[in-house]
Amino acid sequence: MAIRKYKHKHFQLTRRVREQVRLVRTFNHSNVCKFFGASLSTHEVTVYMEYMPKGSLRDVLQNDKIPITWPFR
C-alpha cells in the first residue's frame, strides 16, 4: 500500500469530489492503480493506493534504466 499526503488550507468534500471518489473506487484493471480510500483532517488529505514498485508513470518514462518493451507496455 502506498500512502500519499496532500496539504490543503481549504478542502471541501463536495458532491463532485464524492462522485469522483466513488467512481475511482470501482476501477478494476491491471493497468490502473487501485484506490483503497482516503482520510481527511483539518489541513491534510491522506490517500491510500496500491503500491507500484516501479513508481509513477512519469518515473518509469523518465528512467532510462527501465526498458519499455512491448510486453511491459
C-alpha atoms as a PDB file:
ATOM      1  CA  MET A   1       0.000   0.000   0.000  1.00  0.00           C
ATOM      2  CA  ALA A   2       1.200   3.495  -0.829  1.00  0.00           C
ATOM      3  CA  ILE A   3       0.249   6.449   1.333  1.00  0.00           C
ATOM      4  CA  ARG A   4       0.355   9.975  -0.053  1.00  0.00           C
ATOM      5  CA  LYS A   5      -0.353  13.096   1.978  1.00  0.00           C
ATOM      6  CA  TYR A   6      -1.540  16.367   0.482  1.00  0.00           C
ATOM      7  CA  LYS A   7      -1.545  19.592   2.458  1.00  0.00           C
ATOM      8  CA  HIS A   8      -4.526  21.892   1.835  1.00  0.00           C
ATOM      9  CA  LYS A   9      -5.540  25.079   3.565  1.00  0.00           C
ATOM     10  CA  HIS A  10      -9.136  24.769   2.410  1.00  0.00           C
ATOM     11  CA  PHE A  11     -10.500  21.414   1.274  1.00  0.00           C
ATOM     12  CA  GLN A  12     -14.194  20.816   0.771  1.00  0.00           C
ATOM     13  CA  LEU A  13     -15.673  17.397   0.285  1.00  0.00           C
ATOM     14  CA  THR A  14     -18.164  18.486  -2.337  1.00  0.00           C
ATOM     15  CA  ARG A  15     -20.692  16.337  -4.099  1.00  0.00           C
ATOM     16  CA  ARG A  16     -18.474  16.290  -7.208  1.00  0.00           C
ATOM     17  CA  VAL A  17     -15.464  15.051  -5.201  1.00  0.00           C
ATOM     18  CA  ARG A  18     -17.580  12.312  -3.591  1.00  0.00           C
ATOM     19  CA  GLU A  19     -18.837  11.203  -7.028  1.00  0.00           C
ATOM     20  CA  GLN A  20     -15.280  11.076  -8.391  1.00  0.00           C
ATOM     21  CA  VAL A  21     -14.065   9.053  -5.398  1.00  0.00           C
ATOM     22  CA  ARG A  22     -16.970   6.637  -5.793  1.00  0.00           C
ATOM     23  CA  LEU A  23     -16.093   6.201  -9.498  1.00  0.00           C
ATOM     24  CA  VAL A  24     -12.354   5.679  -8.871  1.00  0.00           C
ATOM     25  CA  ARG A  25     -13.120   3.030  -6.229  1.00  0.00           C
ATOM     26  CA  THR A  26     -14.936   0.962  -8.879  1.00  0.00           C
ATOM     27  CA  PHE A  27     -11.960   0.849 -11.270  1.00  0.00           C
ATOM     28  CA  ASN A  28     -10.582  -2.671 -11.532  1.00  0.00           C
ATOM     29  CA  HIS A  29      -7.971  -3.049 -14.253  1.00  0.00           C
ATOM     30  CA  SER A  30      -4.394  -4.288 -14.227  1.00  0.00           C
ATOM     31  CA  ASN A  31      -3.196  -1.011 -15.795  1.00  0.00           C
ATOM     32  CA  VAL A  32      -4.877   1.222 -13.211  1.00  0.00           C
ATOM     33  CA  CYS A  33      -3.509   1.718  -9.709  1.00  0.00           C
ATOM     34  CA  LYS A  34      -6.133   0.577  -7.173  1.00  0.00           C
ATOM     35  CA  PHE A  35      -7.581   3.268  -4.910  1.00  0.00           C
ATOM     36  CA  PHE A  36      -8.324   1.998  -1.400  1.00  0.00           C
ATOM     37  CA  GLY A  37      -9.535   5.136   0.302  1.00  0.00           C
ATOM     38  CA  ALA A  38      -8.701   8.477   1.853  1.00  0.00           C
ATOM     39  CA  SER A  39      -8.843  10.208   5.198  1.00  0.00           C
ATOM     40  CA  LEU A  40      -9.432  13.866   5.861  1.00  0.00           C
ATOM     41  CA  SER A  41      -8.075  16.031   8.625  1.00  0.00           C
ATOM     42  CA  THR A  42      -8.139  19.791   9.139  1.00  0.00           C
ATOM     43  CA  HIS A  43      -5.335  20.695   6.732  1.00  0.00           C
ATOM     44  CA  GLU A  44      -4.387  17.379   5.156  1.00  0.00           C
ATOM     45  CA  VAL A  45      -5.839  14.741   2.862  1.00  0.00           C
ATOM     46  CA  THR A  46      -4.253  11.285   3.025  1.00  0.00           C
ATOM     47  CA  VAL A  47      -4.789   8.965   0.047  1.00  0.00           C
ATOM     48  CA  TYR A  48      -4.289   5.185   0.241  1.00  0.00           C
ATOM     49  CA  MET A  49      -3.500   3.430  -3.030  1.00  0.00           C
ATOM     50  CA  GLU A  50      -1.932   0.269  -4.368  1.00  0.00           C
ATOM     51  CA  TYR A  51       1.866   0.319  -4.150  1.00  0.00           C
ATOM     52  CA  MET A  52       3.572   0.391  -7.551  1.00  0.00           C
ATOM     53  CA  PRO A  53       7.192  -0.830  -7.160  1.00  0.00           C
ATOM     54  CA  LYS A  54       8.492   0.992 -10.258  1.00  0.00           C
ATOM     55  CA  GLY A  55       6.926   4.291  -9.222  1.00  0.00           C
ATOM     56  CA  SER A  56       4.610   6.525 -11.180  1.00  0.00           C
ATOM     57  CA  LEU A  57       4.213   6.517 -14.949  1.00  0.00           C
ATOM     58  CA  ARG A  58       6.350   9.669 -15.054  1.00  0.00           C
ATOM     59  CA  ASP A  59       9.073   7.904 -13.047  1.00  0.00           C
ATOM     60  CA  VAL A  60       9.098   4.964 -15.458  1.00  0.00           C
ATOM     61  CA  LEU A  61       9.136   7.111 -18.607  1.00  0.00           C
ATOM     62  CA  GLN A  62      11.970   9.307 -17.329  1.00  0.00           C
ATOM     63  CA  ASN A  63      14.144   6.397 -16.150  1.00  0.00           C
ATOM     64  CA  ASP A  64      16.450   5.250 -18.950  1.00  0.00           C
ATOM     65  CA  LYS A  65      17.370   2.141 -16.931  1.00  0.00           C
ATOM     66  CA  ILE A  66      13.859   0.687 -17.288  1.00  0.00           C
ATOM     67  CA  PRO A  67      13.420  -0.819 -20.760  1.00  0.00           C
ATOM     68  CA  ILE A  68       9.953  -0.207 -22.155  1.00  0.00           C
ATOM     69  CA  THR A  69       9.354  -3.375 -24.143  1.00  0.00           C
ATOM     70  CA  TRP A  70       6.070  -4.245 -25.849  1.00  0.00           C
ATOM     71  CA  PRO A  71       5.044  -6.745 -23.143  1.00  0.00           C
ATOM     72  CA  PHE A  72       5.777  -4.122 -20.476  1.00  0.00           C
ATOM     73  CA  ARG A  73       3.564  -1.611 -22.297  1.00  0.00           C
END
